[in-house]
PDB file of N, CA and C in Angstrom:
ATOM      1  N   MET A   1       0.851  -1.170   0.000  1.00  0.00           N
ATOM      2  CA  MET A   1       0.000   0.000   0.000  1.00  0.00           C
ATOM      3  C   MET A   1       0.895   1.231   0.000  1.00  0.00           C
ATOM      4  N   SER A   2       0.662   2.164  -0.875  1.00  0.00           N
ATOM      5  CA  SER A   2       1.506   3.352  -0.938  1.00  0.00           C
ATOM      6  C   SER A   2       1.167   4.291   0.207  1.00  0.00           C
ATOM      7  N   ASN A   3       2.104   5.185   0.521  1.00  0.00           N
ATOM      8  CA  ASN A   3       1.914   6.106   1.642  1.00  0.00           C
ATOM      9  C   ASN A   3       0.696   6.997   1.475  1.00  0.00           C
ATOM     10  N   ASP A   4       0.341   7.342   0.232  1.00  0.00           N
ATOM     11  CA  ASP A   4      -0.799   8.232   0.051  1.00  0.00           C
ATOM     12  C   ASP A   4      -2.137   7.531   0.302  1.00  0.00           C
ATOM     13  N   THR A   5      -2.138   6.214   0.386  1.00  0.00           N
ATOM     14  CA  THR A   5      -3.359   5.477   0.699  1.00  0.00           C
ATOM     15  C   THR A   5      -3.238   4.730   2.033  1.00  0.00           C
ATOM     16  N   MET A   6      -2.226   5.064   2.825  1.00  0.00           N
ATOM     17  CA  MET A   6      -2.009   4.408   4.115  1.00  0.00           C
ATOM     18  C   MET A   6      -3.214   4.615   5.033  1.00  0.00           C
ATOM     19  N   ARG A   7      -3.697   3.540   5.598  1.00  0.00           N
ATOM     20  CA  ARG A   7      -4.812   3.641   6.535  1.00  0.00           C
ATOM     21  C   ARG A   7      -4.323   4.144   7.890  1.00  0.00           C
ATOM     22  N   THR A   8      -5.190   4.843   8.578  1.00  0.00           N
ATOM     23  CA  THR A   8      -4.874   5.303   9.931  1.00  0.00           C
ATOM     24  C   THR A   8      -4.941   4.115  10.887  1.00  0.00           C
ATOM     25  N   PRO A   9      -4.316   4.223  12.063  1.00  0.00           N
ATOM     26  CA  PRO A   9      -4.457   3.154  13.055  1.00  0.00           C
ATOM     27  C   PRO A   9      -5.921   2.832  13.360  1.00  0.00           C
ATOM     28  N   ARG A  10      -6.770   3.840  13.477  1.00  0.00           N
ATOM     29  CA  ARG A  10      -8.191   3.584  13.736  1.00  0.00           C
ATOM     30  C   ARG A  10      -8.817   2.748  12.609  1.00  0.00           C
ATOM     31  N   GLN A  11      -8.516   3.082  11.362  1.00  0.00           N
ATOM     32  CA  GLN A  11      -9.064   2.330  10.236  1.00  0.00           C
ATOM     33  C   GLN A  11      -8.587   0.880  10.257  1.00  0.00           C
ATOM     34  N   VAL A  12      -7.307   0.670  10.549  1.00  0.00           N
ATOM     35  CA  VAL A  12      -6.758  -0.695  10.629  1.00  0.00           C
ATOM     36  C   VAL A  12      -7.482  -1.479  11.714  1.00  0.00           C
ATOM     37  N   LEU A  13      -7.620  -0.888  12.895  1.00  0.00           N
ATOM     38  CA  LEU A  13      -8.240  -1.588  14.012  1.00  0.00           C
ATOM     39  C   LEU A  13      -9.728  -1.823  13.780  1.00  0.00           C
ATOM     40  N   GLU A  14     -10.420  -0.863  13.199  1.00  0.00           N
ATOM     41  CA  GLU A  14     -11.839  -1.068  12.887  1.00  0.00           C
ATOM     42  C   GLU A  14     -12.010  -2.213  11.894  1.00  0.00           C
ATOM     43  N   ASP A  15     -11.133  -2.301  10.903  1.00  0.00           N
ATOM     44  CA  ASP A  15     -11.201  -3.399   9.936  1.00  0.00           C
ATOM     45  C   ASP A  15     -10.917  -4.731  10.635  1.00  0.00           C
ATOM     46  N   HIS A  16      -9.910  -4.763  11.498  1.00  0.00           N
ATOM     47  CA  HIS A  16      -9.591  -5.980  12.257  1.00  0.00           C
ATOM     48  C   HIS A  16     -10.797  -6.428  13.091  1.00  0.00           C
ATOM     49  N   LEU A  17     -11.438  -5.509  13.782  1.00  0.00           N
ATOM     50  CA  LEU A  17     -12.567  -5.869  14.639  1.00  0.00           C
ATOM     51  C   LEU A  17     -13.739  -6.393  13.826  1.00  0.00           C
ATOM     52  N   GLU A  18     -13.981  -5.805  12.674  1.00  0.00           N
ATOM     53  CA  GLU A  18     -15.057  -6.294  11.805  1.00  0.00           C
ATOM     54  C   GLU A  18     -14.748  -7.708  11.312  1.00  0.00           C
ATOM     55  N   LYS A  19     -13.510  -7.946  10.922  1.00  0.00           N
ATOM     56  CA  LYS A  19     -13.132  -9.284  10.445  1.00  0.00           C
ATOM     57  C   LYS A  19     -13.149 -10.308  11.583  1.00  0.00           C
ATOM     58  N   SER A  20     -12.860  -9.868  12.804  1.00  0.00           N
ATOM     59  CA  SER A  20     -12.949 -10.771  13.959  1.00  0.00           C
ATOM     60  C   SER A  20     -14.378 -11.247  14.158  1.00  0.00           C
ATOM     61  N   LYS A  21     -15.331 -10.346  13.966  1.00  0.00           N
ATOM     62  CA  LYS A  21     -16.740 -10.717  14.141  1.00  0.00           C
ATOM     63  C   LYS A  21     -17.203 -11.700  13.082  1.00  0.00           C
ATOM     64  N   THR A  22     -16.625 -11.630  11.892  1.00  0.00           N
ATOM     65  CA  THR A  22     -17.063 -12.504  10.802  1.00  0.00           C
ATOM     66  C   THR A  22     -16.194 -13.742  10.649  1.00  0.00           C
ATOM     67  N   GLY A  23     -15.120 -13.851  11.431  1.00  0.00           N
ATOM     68  CA  GLY A  23     -14.267 -15.030  11.371  1.00  0.00           C
ATOM     69  C   GLY A  23     -13.348 -15.078  10.171  1.00  0.00           C
ATOM     70  N   SER A  24     -13.034 -13.947   9.565  1.00  0.00           N
ATOM     71  CA  SER A  24     -12.189 -13.891   8.369  1.00  0.00           C
ATOM     72  C   SER A  24     -10.711 -13.802   8.764  1.00  0.00           C
ATOM     73  N   VAL A  25     -10.175 -14.875   9.353  1.00  0.00           N
ATOM     74  CA  VAL A  25      -8.818 -14.849   9.908  1.00  0.00           C
ATOM     75  C   VAL A  25      -7.772 -14.581   8.837  1.00  0.00           C
ATOM     76  N   GLU A  26      -7.794 -15.300   7.736  1.00  0.00           N
ATOM     77  CA  GLU A  26      -6.756 -15.150   6.710  1.00  0.00           C
ATOM     78  C   GLU A  26      -6.778 -13.764   6.081  1.00  0.00           C
ATOM     79  N   GLU A  27      -7.963 -13.257   5.798  1.00  0.00           N
ATOM     80  CA  GLU A  27      -8.068 -11.913   5.226  1.00  0.00           C
ATOM     81  C   GLU A  27      -7.588 -10.879   6.239  1.00  0.00           C
ATOM     82  N   ASP A  28      -7.943 -11.076   7.516  1.00  0.00           N
ATOM     83  CA  ASP A  28      -7.507 -10.184   8.581  1.00  0.00           C
ATOM     84  C   ASP A  28      -5.980 -10.154   8.672  1.00  0.00           C
ATOM     85  N   LEU A  29      -5.355 -11.320   8.649  1.00  0.00           N
ATOM     86  CA  LEU A  29      -3.892 -11.395   8.701  1.00  0.00           C
ATOM     87  C   LEU A  29      -3.263 -10.641   7.535  1.00  0.00           C
ATOM     88  N   LYS A  30      -3.766 -10.896   6.356  1.00  0.00           N
ATOM     89  CA  LYS A  30      -3.200 -10.304   5.136  1.00  0.00           C
ATOM     90  C   LYS A  30      -3.300  -8.777   5.140  1.00  0.00           C
ATOM     91  N   LEU A  31      -4.440  -8.258   5.585  1.00  0.00           N
ATOM     92  CA  LEU A  31      -4.691  -6.822   5.485  1.00  0.00           C
ATOM     93  C   LEU A  31      -4.274  -6.018   6.713  1.00  0.00           C
ATOM     94  N   ASN A  32      -4.245  -6.660   7.893  1.00  0.00           N
ATOM     95  CA  ASN A  32      -4.147  -5.876   9.121  1.00  0.00           C
ATOM     96  C   ASN A  32      -2.971  -6.203  10.029  1.00  0.00           C
ATOM     97  N   PHE A  33      -2.252  -7.280   9.803  1.00  0.00           N
ATOM     98  CA  PHE A  33      -1.188  -7.682  10.723  1.00  0.00           C
ATOM     99  C   PHE A  33       0.168  -7.764  10.035  1.00  0.00           C
ATOM    100  N   ALA A  34       1.191  -7.195  10.684  1.00  0.00           N
ATOM    101  CA  ALA A  34       2.563  -7.345  10.201  1.00  0.00           C
ATOM    102  C   ALA A  34       2.949  -8.821  10.272  1.00  0.00           C
ATOM    103  N   LYS A  35       3.778  -9.263   9.351  1.00  0.00           N
ATOM    104  CA  LYS A  35       4.203 -10.671   9.335  1.00  0.00           C
ATOM    105  C   LYS A  35       4.939 -11.061  10.610  1.00  0.00           C
ATOM    106  N   ASP A  36       5.584 -10.082  11.267  1.00  0.00           N
ATOM    107  CA  ASP A  36       6.340 -10.364  12.492  1.00  0.00           C
ATOM    108  C   ASP A  36       5.635  -9.838  13.743  1.00  0.00           C
ATOM    109  N   VAL A  37       4.307  -9.745  13.697  1.00  0.00           N
ATOM    110  CA  VAL A  37       3.525  -9.277  14.837  1.00  0.00           C
ATOM    111  C   VAL A  37       3.858 -10.107  16.079  1.00  0.00           C
ATOM    112  N   VAL A  38       3.842  -9.451  17.243  1.00  0.00           N
ATOM    113  CA  VAL A  38       4.064 -10.128  18.521  1.00  0.00           C
ATOM    114  C   VAL A  38       2.798  -9.963  19.353  1.00  0.00           C
ATOM    115  N   MET A  39       2.300 -11.076  19.900  1.00  0.00           N
ATOM    116  CA  MET A  39       1.103 -11.053  20.727  1.00  0.00           C
ATOM    117  C   MET A  39       1.413 -11.603  22.107  1.00  0.00           C
ATOM    118  N   LEU A  40       1.215 -10.775  23.123  1.00  0.00           N
ATOM    119  CA  LEU A  40       1.381 -11.180  24.516  1.00  0.00           C
ATOM    120  C   LEU A  40      -0.013 -11.450  25.053  1.00  0.00           C
ATOM    121  N   THR A  41      -0.251 -12.683  25.521  1.00  0.00           N
ATOM    122  CA  THR A  41      -1.608 -13.079  25.878  1.00  0.00           C
ATOM    123  C   THR A  41      -1.668 -13.778  27.227  1.00  0.00           C
ATOM    124  N   THR A  42      -2.873 -13.962  27.683  1.00  0.00           N
ATOM    125  CA  THR A  42      -3.149 -14.743  28.881  1.00  0.00           C
ATOM    126  C   THR A  42      -2.564 -16.146  28.749  1.00  0.00           C
ATOM    127  N   PHE A  43      -2.436 -16.631  27.526  1.00  0.00           N
ATOM    128  CA  PHE A  43      -2.036 -18.012  27.253  1.00  0.00           C
ATOM    129  C   PHE A  43      -0.598 -18.146  26.775  1.00  0.00           C
ATOM    130  N   GLY A  44       0.171 -17.057  26.788  1.00  0.00           N
ATOM    131  CA  GLY A  44       1.566 -17.112  26.372  1.00  0.00           C
ATOM    132  C   GLY A  44       1.877 -16.089  25.301  1.00  0.00           C
ATOM    133  N   VAL A  45       3.094 -16.179  24.768  1.00  0.00           N
ATOM    134  CA  VAL A  45       3.563 -15.270  23.726  1.00  0.00           C
ATOM    135  C   VAL A  45       3.434 -15.974  22.375  1.00  0.00           C
ATOM    136  N   TYR A  46       2.869 -15.284  21.403  1.00  0.00           N
ATOM    137  CA  TYR A  46       2.686 -15.820  20.048  1.00  0.00           C
ATOM    138  C   TYR A  46       3.312 -14.841  19.069  1.00  0.00           C
ATOM    139  N   ARG A  47       3.895 -15.381  18.011  1.00  0.00           N
ATOM    140  CA  ARG A  47       4.586 -14.531  17.037  1.00  0.00           C
ATOM    141  C   ARG A  47       4.139 -14.834  15.610  1.00  0.00           C
ATOM    142  N   GLY A  48       4.046 -13.772  14.834  1.00  0.00           N
ATOM    143  CA  GLY A  48       3.792 -13.901  13.409  1.00  0.00           C
ATOM    144  C   GLY A  48       2.376 -14.361  13.083  1.00  0.00           C
ATOM    145  N   HIS A  49       2.157 -14.531  11.787  1.00  0.00           N
ATOM    146  CA  HIS A  49       0.839 -14.956  11.319  1.00  0.00           C
ATOM    147  C   HIS A  49       0.489 -16.348  11.822  1.00  0.00           C
ATOM    148  N   GLU A  50       1.474 -17.227  11.928  1.00  0.00           N
ATOM    149  CA  GLU A  50       1.186 -18.580  12.431  1.00  0.00           C
ATOM    150  C   GLU A  50       0.732 -18.523  13.882  1.00  0.00           C
ATOM    151  N   GLY A  51       1.343 -17.662  14.669  1.00  0.00           N
ATOM    152  CA  GLY A  51       0.912 -17.486  16.055  1.00  0.00           C
ATOM    153  C   GLY A  51      -0.518 -16.978  16.134  1.00  0.00           C
ATOM    154  N   MET A  52      -0.878 -16.042  15.248  1.00  0.00           N
ATOM    155  CA  MET A  52      -2.245 -15.533  15.236  1.00  0.00           C
ATOM    156  C   MET A  52      -3.233 -16.626  14.838  1.00  0.00           C
ATOM    157  N   ARG A  53      -2.839 -17.484  13.902  1.00  0.00           N
ATOM    158  CA  ARG A  53      -3.714 -18.608  13.533  1.00  0.00           C
ATOM    159  C   ARG A  53      -3.935 -19.530  14.732  1.00  0.00           C
ATOM    160  N   GLU A  54      -2.869 -19.796  15.499  1.00  0.00           N
ATOM    161  CA  GLU A  54      -2.991 -20.633  16.693  1.00  0.00           C
ATOM    162  C   GLU A  54      -3.952 -20.004  17.694  1.00  0.00           C
ATOM    163  N   LEU A  55      -3.838 -18.702  17.902  1.00  0.00           N
ATOM    164  CA  LEU A  55      -4.738 -18.013  18.831  1.00  0.00           C
ATOM    165  C   LEU A  55      -6.185 -18.050  18.357  1.00  0.00           C
ATOM    166  N   ALA A  56      -6.409 -17.844  17.074  1.00  0.00           N
ATOM    167  CA  ALA A  56      -7.768 -17.891  16.528  1.00  0.00           C
ATOM    168  C   ALA A  56      -8.369 -19.284  16.725  1.00  0.00           C
ATOM    169  N   LYS A  57      -7.558 -20.316  16.504  1.00  0.00           N
ATOM    170  CA  LYS A  57      -8.027 -21.698  16.694  1.00  0.00           C
ATOM    171  C   LYS A  57      -8.356 -21.948  18.173  1.00  0.00           C
ATOM    172  N   LEU A  58      -7.511 -21.476  19.068  1.00  0.00           N
ATOM    173  CA  LEU A  58      -7.747 -21.643  20.504  1.00  0.00           C
ATOM    174  C   LEU A  58      -9.059 -20.975  20.915  1.00  0.00           C
ATOM    175  N   LEU A  59      -9.270 -19.744  20.481  1.00  0.00           N
ATOM    176  CA  LEU A  59     -10.492 -19.030  20.827  1.00  0.00           C
ATOM    177  C   LEU A  59     -11.723 -19.751  20.278  1.00  0.00           C
ATOM    178  N   GLN A  60     -11.622 -20.262  19.055  1.00  0.00           N
ATOM    179  CA  GLN A  60     -12.735 -20.992  18.446  1.00  0.00           C
ATOM    180  C   GLN A  60     -13.045 -22.270  19.231  1.00  0.00           C
ATOM    181  N   GLU A  61     -12.006 -22.934  19.736  1.00  0.00           N
ATOM    182  CA  GLU A  61     -12.220 -24.142  20.544  1.00  0.00           C
ATOM    183  C   GLU A  61     -12.856 -23.791  21.888  1.00  0.00           C
ATOM    184  N   GLN A  62     -12.425 -22.671  22.480  1.00  0.00           N
ATOM    185  CA  GLN A  62     -12.947 -22.256  23.777  1.00  0.00           C
ATOM    186  C   GLN A  62     -14.382 -21.748  23.687  1.00  0.00           C
ATOM    187  N   LEU A  63     -14.691 -21.049  22.592  1.00  0.00           N
ATOM    188  CA  LEU A  63     -15.993 -20.406  22.423  1.00  0.00           C
ATOM    189  C   LEU A  63     -16.540 -20.673  21.023  1.00  0.00           C
ATOM    190  N   PRO A  64     -16.961 -21.912  20.753  1.00  0.00           N
ATOM    191  CA  PRO A  64     -17.466 -22.212  19.401  1.00  0.00           C
ATOM    192  C   PRO A  64     -18.700 -21.372  19.072  1.00  0.00           C
ATOM    193  N   GLU A  65     -18.756 -20.922  17.840  1.00  0.00           N
ATOM    194  CA  GLU A  65     -19.878 -20.115  17.339  1.00  0.00           C
ATOM    195  C   GLU A  65     -20.132 -18.893  18.220  1.00  0.00           C
ATOM    196  N   MET A  66     -19.066 -18.238  18.605  1.00  0.00           N
ATOM    197  CA  MET A  66     -19.169 -17.101  19.515  1.00  0.00           C
ATOM    198  C   MET A  66     -19.678 -15.849  18.825  1.00  0.00           C
ATOM    199  N   THR A  67     -20.229 -14.959  19.638  1.00  0.00           N
ATOM    200  CA  THR A  67     -20.565 -13.614  19.202  1.00  0.00           C
ATOM    201  C   THR A  67     -19.818 -12.648  20.119  1.00  0.00           C
ATOM    202  N   PHE A  68     -19.317 -11.563  19.536  1.00  0.00           N
ATOM    203  CA  PHE A  68     -18.561 -10.557  20.279  1.00  0.00           C
ATOM    204  C   PHE A  68     -19.414  -9.327  20.552  1.00  0.00           C
ATOM    205  N   ASP A  69     -19.115  -8.656  21.649  1.00  0.00           N
ATOM    206  CA  ASP A  69     -19.653  -7.335  21.923  1.00  0.00           C
ATOM    207  C   ASP A  69     -18.463  -6.447  22.262  1.00  0.00           C
ATOM    208  N   TYR A  70     -18.252  -5.393  21.483  1.00  0.00           N
ATOM    209  CA  TYR A  70     -17.165  -4.458  21.732  1.00  0.00           C
ATOM    210  C   TYR A  70     -17.709  -3.337  22.609  1.00  0.00           C
ATOM    211  N   GLU A  71     -17.230  -3.252  23.832  1.00  0.00           N
ATOM    212  CA  GLU A  71     -17.825  -2.357  24.820  1.00  0.00           C
ATOM    213  C   GLU A  71     -17.109  -1.016  24.951  1.00  0.00           C
ATOM    214  N   ASN A  72     -15.815  -0.988  24.718  1.00  0.00           N
ATOM    215  CA  ASN A  72     -15.045   0.246  24.851  1.00  0.00           C
ATOM    216  C   ASN A  72     -13.892   0.159  23.860  1.00  0.00           C
ATOM    217  N   PHE A  73     -13.816   1.107  22.932  1.00  0.00           N
ATOM    218  CA  PHE A  73     -12.773   1.097  21.910  1.00  0.00           C
ATOM    219  C   PHE A  73     -12.186   2.491  21.818  1.00  0.00           C
ATOM    220  N   GLN A  74     -10.886   2.582  22.047  1.00  0.00           N
ATOM    221  CA  GLN A  74     -10.202   3.874  22.020  1.00  0.00           C
ATOM    222  C   GLN A  74      -8.929   3.767  21.182  1.00  0.00           C
ATOM    223  N   VAL A  75      -8.614   4.826  20.468  1.00  0.00           N
ATOM    224  CA  VAL A  75      -7.369   4.900  19.703  1.00  0.00           C
ATOM    225  C   VAL A  75      -6.749   6.263  19.952  1.00  0.00           C
ATOM    226  N   GLU A  76      -5.465   6.258  20.274  1.00  0.00           N
ATOM    227  CA  GLU A  76      -4.709   7.494  20.444  1.00  0.00           C
ATOM    228  C   GLU A  76      -3.371   7.293  19.744  1.00  0.00           C
ATOM    229  N   GLY A  77      -3.148   8.028  18.674  1.00  0.00           N
ATOM    230  CA  GLY A  77      -1.911   7.851  17.913  1.00  0.00           C
ATOM    231  C   GLY A  77      -1.852   6.442  17.348  1.00  0.00           C
ATOM    232  N   GLU A  78      -0.763   5.748  17.637  1.00  0.00           N
ATOM    233  CA  GLU A  78      -0.594   4.395  17.097  1.00  0.00           C
ATOM    234  C   GLU A  78      -1.026   3.299  18.082  1.00  0.00           C
ATOM    235  N   VAL A  79      -1.657   3.680  19.191  1.00  0.00           N
ATOM    236  CA  VAL A  79      -2.057   2.725  20.220  1.00  0.00           C
ATOM    237  C   VAL A  79      -3.575   2.629  20.293  1.00  0.00           C
ATOM    238  N   GLY A  80      -4.070   1.389  20.370  1.00  0.00           N
ATOM    239  CA  GLY A  80      -5.503   1.155  20.506  1.00  0.00           C
ATOM    240  C   GLY A  80      -5.796   0.294  21.725  1.00  0.00           C
ATOM    241  N   PHE A  81      -7.003   0.424  22.254  1.00  0.00           N
ATOM    242  CA  PHE A  81      -7.449  -0.343  23.412  1.00  0.00           C
ATOM    243  C   PHE A  81      -8.890  -0.777  23.192  1.00  0.00           C
ATOM    244  N   LEU A  82      -9.180  -2.027  23.527  1.00  0.00           N
ATOM    245  CA  LEU A  82     -10.518  -2.583  23.349  1.00  0.00           C
ATOM    246  C   LEU A  82     -10.906  -3.381  24.583  1.00  0.00           C
ATOM    247  N   GLU A  83     -12.104  -3.115  25.102  1.00  0.00           N
ATOM    248  CA  GLU A  83     -12.717  -3.991  26.101  1.00  0.00           C
ATOM    249  C   GLU A  83     -13.848  -4.719  25.391  1.00  0.00           C
ATOM    250  N   TRP A  84     -13.943  -6.040  25.629  1.00  0.00           N
ATOM    251  CA  TRP A  84     -14.919  -6.830  24.903  1.00  0.00           C
ATOM    252  C   TRP A  84     -15.467  -7.961  25.764  1.00  0.00           C
ATOM    253  N   SER A  85     -16.599  -8.491  25.304  1.00  0.00           N
ATOM    254  CA  SER A  85     -17.173  -9.693  25.891  1.00  0.00           C
ATOM    255  C   SER A  85     -17.562 -10.602  24.730  1.00  0.00           C
ATOM    256  N   ALA A  86     -17.778 -11.867  25.047  1.00  0.00           N
ATOM    257  CA  ALA A  86     -18.161 -12.835  24.015  1.00  0.00           C
ATOM    258  C   ALA A  86     -19.086 -13.859  24.633  1.00  0.00           C
ATOM    259  N   ASP A  87     -19.919 -14.448  23.791  1.00  0.00           N
ATOM    260  CA  ASP A  87     -20.868 -15.454  24.250  1.00  0.00           C
ATOM    261  C   ASP A  87     -20.899 -16.596  23.244  1.00  0.00           C
ATOM    262  N   SER A  88     -21.025 -17.806  23.761  1.00  0.00           N
ATOM    263  CA  SER A  88     -21.209 -18.982  22.915  1.00  0.00           C
ATOM    264  C   SER A  88     -22.178 -19.918  23.630  1.00  0.00           C
ATOM    265  N   LYS A  89     -22.425 -21.051  23.034  1.00  0.00           N
ATOM    266  CA  LYS A  89     -23.416 -21.988  23.566  1.00  0.00           C
ATOM    267  C   LYS A  89     -23.104 -22.423  25.002  1.00  0.00           C
ATOM    268  N   ASN A  90     -21.845 -22.759  25.273  1.00  0.00           N
ATOM    269  CA  ASN A  90     -21.490 -23.341  26.564  1.00  0.00           C
ATOM    270  C   ASN A  90     -20.623 -22.458  27.452  1.00  0.00           C
ATOM    271  N   ALA A  91     -20.091 -21.363  26.897  1.00  0.00           N
ATOM    272  CA  ALA A  91     -19.145 -20.549  27.662  1.00  0.00           C
ATOM    273  C   ALA A  91     -19.283 -19.085  27.275  1.00  0.00           C
ATOM    274  N   PHE A  92     -18.640 -18.228  28.079  1.00  0.00           N
ATOM    275  CA  PHE A  92     -18.684 -16.798  27.807  1.00  0.00           C
ATOM    276  C   PHE A  92     -17.438 -16.125  28.368  1.00  0.00           C
ATOM    277  N   VAL A  93     -17.195 -14.904  27.906  1.00  0.00           N
ATOM    278  CA  VAL A  93     -16.114 -14.046  28.396  1.00  0.00           C
ATOM    279  C   VAL A  93     -16.748 -12.706  28.727  1.00  0.00           C
ATOM    280  N   LYS A  94     -16.449 -12.167  29.915  1.00  0.00           N
ATOM    281  CA  LYS A  94     -16.966 -10.840  30.236  1.00  0.00           C
ATOM    282  C   LYS A  94     -15.856  -9.844  30.548  1.00  0.00           C
ATOM    283  N   ASP A  95     -14.586 -10.287  30.505  1.00  0.00           N
ATOM    284  CA  ASP A  95     -13.473  -9.410  30.882  1.00  0.00           C
ATOM    285  C   ASP A  95     -12.407  -9.265  29.801  1.00  0.00           C
ATOM    286  N   GLY A  96     -12.789  -9.388  28.522  1.00  0.00           N
ATOM    287  CA  GLY A  96     -11.813  -9.283  27.438  1.00  0.00           C
ATOM    288  C   GLY A  96     -11.208  -7.892  27.369  1.00  0.00           C
ATOM    289  N   ALA A  97      -9.880  -7.840  27.229  1.00  0.00           N
ATOM    290  CA  ALA A  97      -9.175  -6.559  27.096  1.00  0.00           C
ATOM    291  C   ALA A  97      -7.974  -6.762  26.178  1.00  0.00           C
ATOM    292  N   ASP A  98      -7.946  -6.030  25.095  1.00  0.00           N
ATOM    293  CA  ASP A  98      -6.858  -6.100  24.127  1.00  0.00           C
ATOM    294  C   ASP A  98      -6.251  -4.715  23.959  1.00  0.00           C
ATOM    295  N   SER A  99      -4.953  -4.675  23.704  1.00  0.00           N
ATOM    296  CA  SER A  99      -4.308  -3.428  23.309  1.00  0.00           C
ATOM    297  C   SER A  99      -3.509  -3.702  22.043  1.00  0.00           C
ATOM    298  N   TYR A 100      -3.278  -2.658  21.273  1.00  0.00           N
ATOM    299  CA  TYR A 100      -2.658  -2.779  19.957  1.00  0.00           C
ATOM    300  C   TYR A 100      -1.654  -1.656  19.736  1.00  0.00           C
ATOM    301  N   VAL A 101      -0.632  -1.969  18.938  1.00  0.00           N
ATOM    302  CA  VAL A 101       0.258  -0.955  18.399  1.00  0.00           C
ATOM    303  C   VAL A 101       0.187  -1.103  16.883  1.00  0.00           C
ATOM    304  N   VAL A 102      -0.128   0.000  16.190  1.00  0.00           N
ATOM    305  CA  VAL A 102      -0.265  -0.001  14.731  1.00  0.00           C
ATOM    306  C   VAL A 102       0.791   0.936  14.155  1.00  0.00           C
ATOM    307  N   ARG A 103       1.610   0.384  13.237  1.00  0.00           N
ATOM    308  CA  ARG A 103       2.626   1.200  12.551  1.00  0.00           C
ATOM    309  C   ARG A 103       2.588   0.902  11.059  1.00  0.00           C
ATOM    310  N   ASP A 104       2.717   1.941  10.274  1.00  0.00           N
ATOM    311  CA  ASP A 104       2.758   1.797   8.808  1.00  0.00           C
ATOM    312  C   ASP A 104       1.589   0.972   8.289  1.00  0.00           C
ATOM    313  N   GLY A 105       0.405   1.172   8.873  1.00  0.00           N
ATOM    314  CA  GLY A 105      -0.805   0.534   8.365  1.00  0.00           C
ATOM    315  C   GLY A 105      -1.013  -0.905   8.791  1.00  0.00           C
ATOM    316  N   LEU A 106      -0.215  -1.416   9.743  1.00  0.00           N
ATOM    317  CA  LEU A 106      -0.354  -2.808  10.191  1.00  0.00           C
ATOM    318  C   LEU A 106      -0.210  -2.903  11.707  1.00  0.00           C
ATOM    319  N   ILE A 107      -0.906  -3.864  12.283  1.00  0.00           N
ATOM    320  CA  ILE A 107      -0.759  -4.146  13.708  1.00  0.00           C
ATOM    321  C   ILE A 107       0.582  -4.853  13.891  1.00  0.00           C
ATOM    322  N   VAL A 108       1.457  -4.273  14.726  1.00  0.00           N
ATOM    323  CA  VAL A 108       2.788  -4.858  14.951  1.00  0.00           C
ATOM    324  C   VAL A 108       2.893  -5.507  16.321  1.00  0.00           C
ATOM    325  N   ALA A 109       1.991  -5.151  17.240  1.00  0.00           N
ATOM    326  CA  ALA A 109       1.987  -5.753  18.570  1.00  0.00           C
ATOM    327  C   ALA A 109       0.571  -5.720  19.120  1.00  0.00           C
ATOM    328  N   GLN A 110       0.264  -6.730  19.943  1.00  0.00           N
ATOM    329  CA  GLN A 110      -1.053  -6.817  20.546  1.00  0.00           C
ATOM    330  C   GLN A 110      -0.935  -7.515  21.892  1.00  0.00           C
ATOM    331  N   THR A 111      -1.728  -7.068  22.854  1.00  0.00           N
ATOM    332  CA  THR A 111      -1.894  -7.830  24.087  1.00  0.00           C
ATOM    333  C   THR A 111      -3.338  -8.307  24.115  1.00  0.00           C
ATOM    334  N   ILE A 112      -3.542  -9.501  24.682  1.00  0.00           N
ATOM    335  CA  ILE A 112      -4.881 -10.093  24.735  1.00  0.00           C
ATOM    336  C   ILE A 112      -5.071 -10.714  26.113  1.00  0.00           C
ATOM    337  N   HIS A 113      -6.133 -10.290  26.795  1.00  0.00           N
ATOM    338  CA  HIS A 113      -6.491 -10.920  28.065  1.00  0.00           C
ATOM    339  C   HIS A 113      -7.975 -11.252  28.051  1.00  0.00           C
ATOM    340  N   TYR A 114      -8.317 -12.456  28.495  1.00  0.00           N
ATOM    341  CA  TYR A 114      -9.711 -12.820  28.723  1.00  0.00           C
ATOM    342  C   TYR A 114      -9.770 -14.076  29.572  1.00  0.00           C
ATOM    343  N   THR A 115     -10.910 -14.241  30.259  1.00  0.00           N
ATOM    344  CA  THR A 115     -11.161 -15.428  31.072  1.00  0.00           C
ATOM    345  C   THR A 115     -12.401 -16.119  30.526  1.00  0.00           C
ATOM    346  N   VAL A 116     -12.278 -17.403  30.197  1.00  0.00           N
ATOM    347  CA  VAL A 116     -13.406 -18.180  29.709  1.00  0.00           C
ATOM    348  C   VAL A 116     -14.125 -18.805  30.901  1.00  0.00           C
ATOM    349  N   LEU A 117     -15.415 -18.554  30.982  1.00  0.00           N
ATOM    350  CA  LEU A 117     -16.240 -19.117  32.040  1.00  0.00           C
ATOM    351  C   LEU A 117     -17.312 -20.013  31.430  1.00  0.00           C
ATOM    352  N   ASN A 118     -17.562 -21.143  32.070  1.00  0.00           N
ATOM    353  CA  ASN A 118     -18.653 -22.016  31.624  1.00  0.00           C
ATOM    354  C   ASN A 118     -19.972 -21.367  31.993  1.00  0.00           C
ATOM    355  N   LYS A 119     -21.013 -21.662  31.230  1.00  0.00           N
ATOM    356  CA  LYS A 119     -22.323 -21.054  31.465  1.00  0.00           C
ATOM    357  C   LYS A 119     -22.817 -21.331  32.887  1.00  0.00           C
ATOM    358  N   ASP A 120     -22.433 -22.436  33.483  1.00  0.00           N
ATOM    359  CA  ASP A 120     -22.897 -22.754  34.841  1.00  0.00           C
ATOM    360  C   ASP A 120     -22.159 -21.907  35.902  1.00  0.00           C
ATOM    361  N   GLN A 121     -21.196 -21.054  35.486  1.00  0.00           N
ATOM    362  CA  GLN A 121     -20.469 -20.187  36.409  1.00  0.00           C
ATOM    363  C   GLN A 121     -21.039 -18.778  36.457  1.00  0.00           C
ATOM    364  N   GLU A 122     -22.149 -18.534  35.730  1.00  0.00           N
ATOM    365  CA  GLU A 122     -22.724 -17.187  35.650  1.00  0.00           C
ATOM    366  C   GLU A 122     -23.090 -16.637  36.980  1.00  0.00           C
TER     367      GLU A 122
END
């Protein structure tokens, strides 16, 4: 993407969040994540597109057929913050919190925190 069409950090993150809701992992990786992205998570450190695929698979296993609710989304400069919740048939998340660093039109770093609770723990 040339500099004159470079997306802002907000545009990158909004596109990522929309693709997260629709499950478009490969398209999301291609358009929104640096190849050497680093993700610090509740479940460990993941690197690159392969690491993001592993995380997407883990989340899908934890919360099959999930729906997301984005509750608080802020962007300041190249840093973004998201609070979220998710629901699925057997489990839910009510404390999701992600942060992002976006440079040159791509997410280069992300933190991810969430706790999966079974429906009987409500």
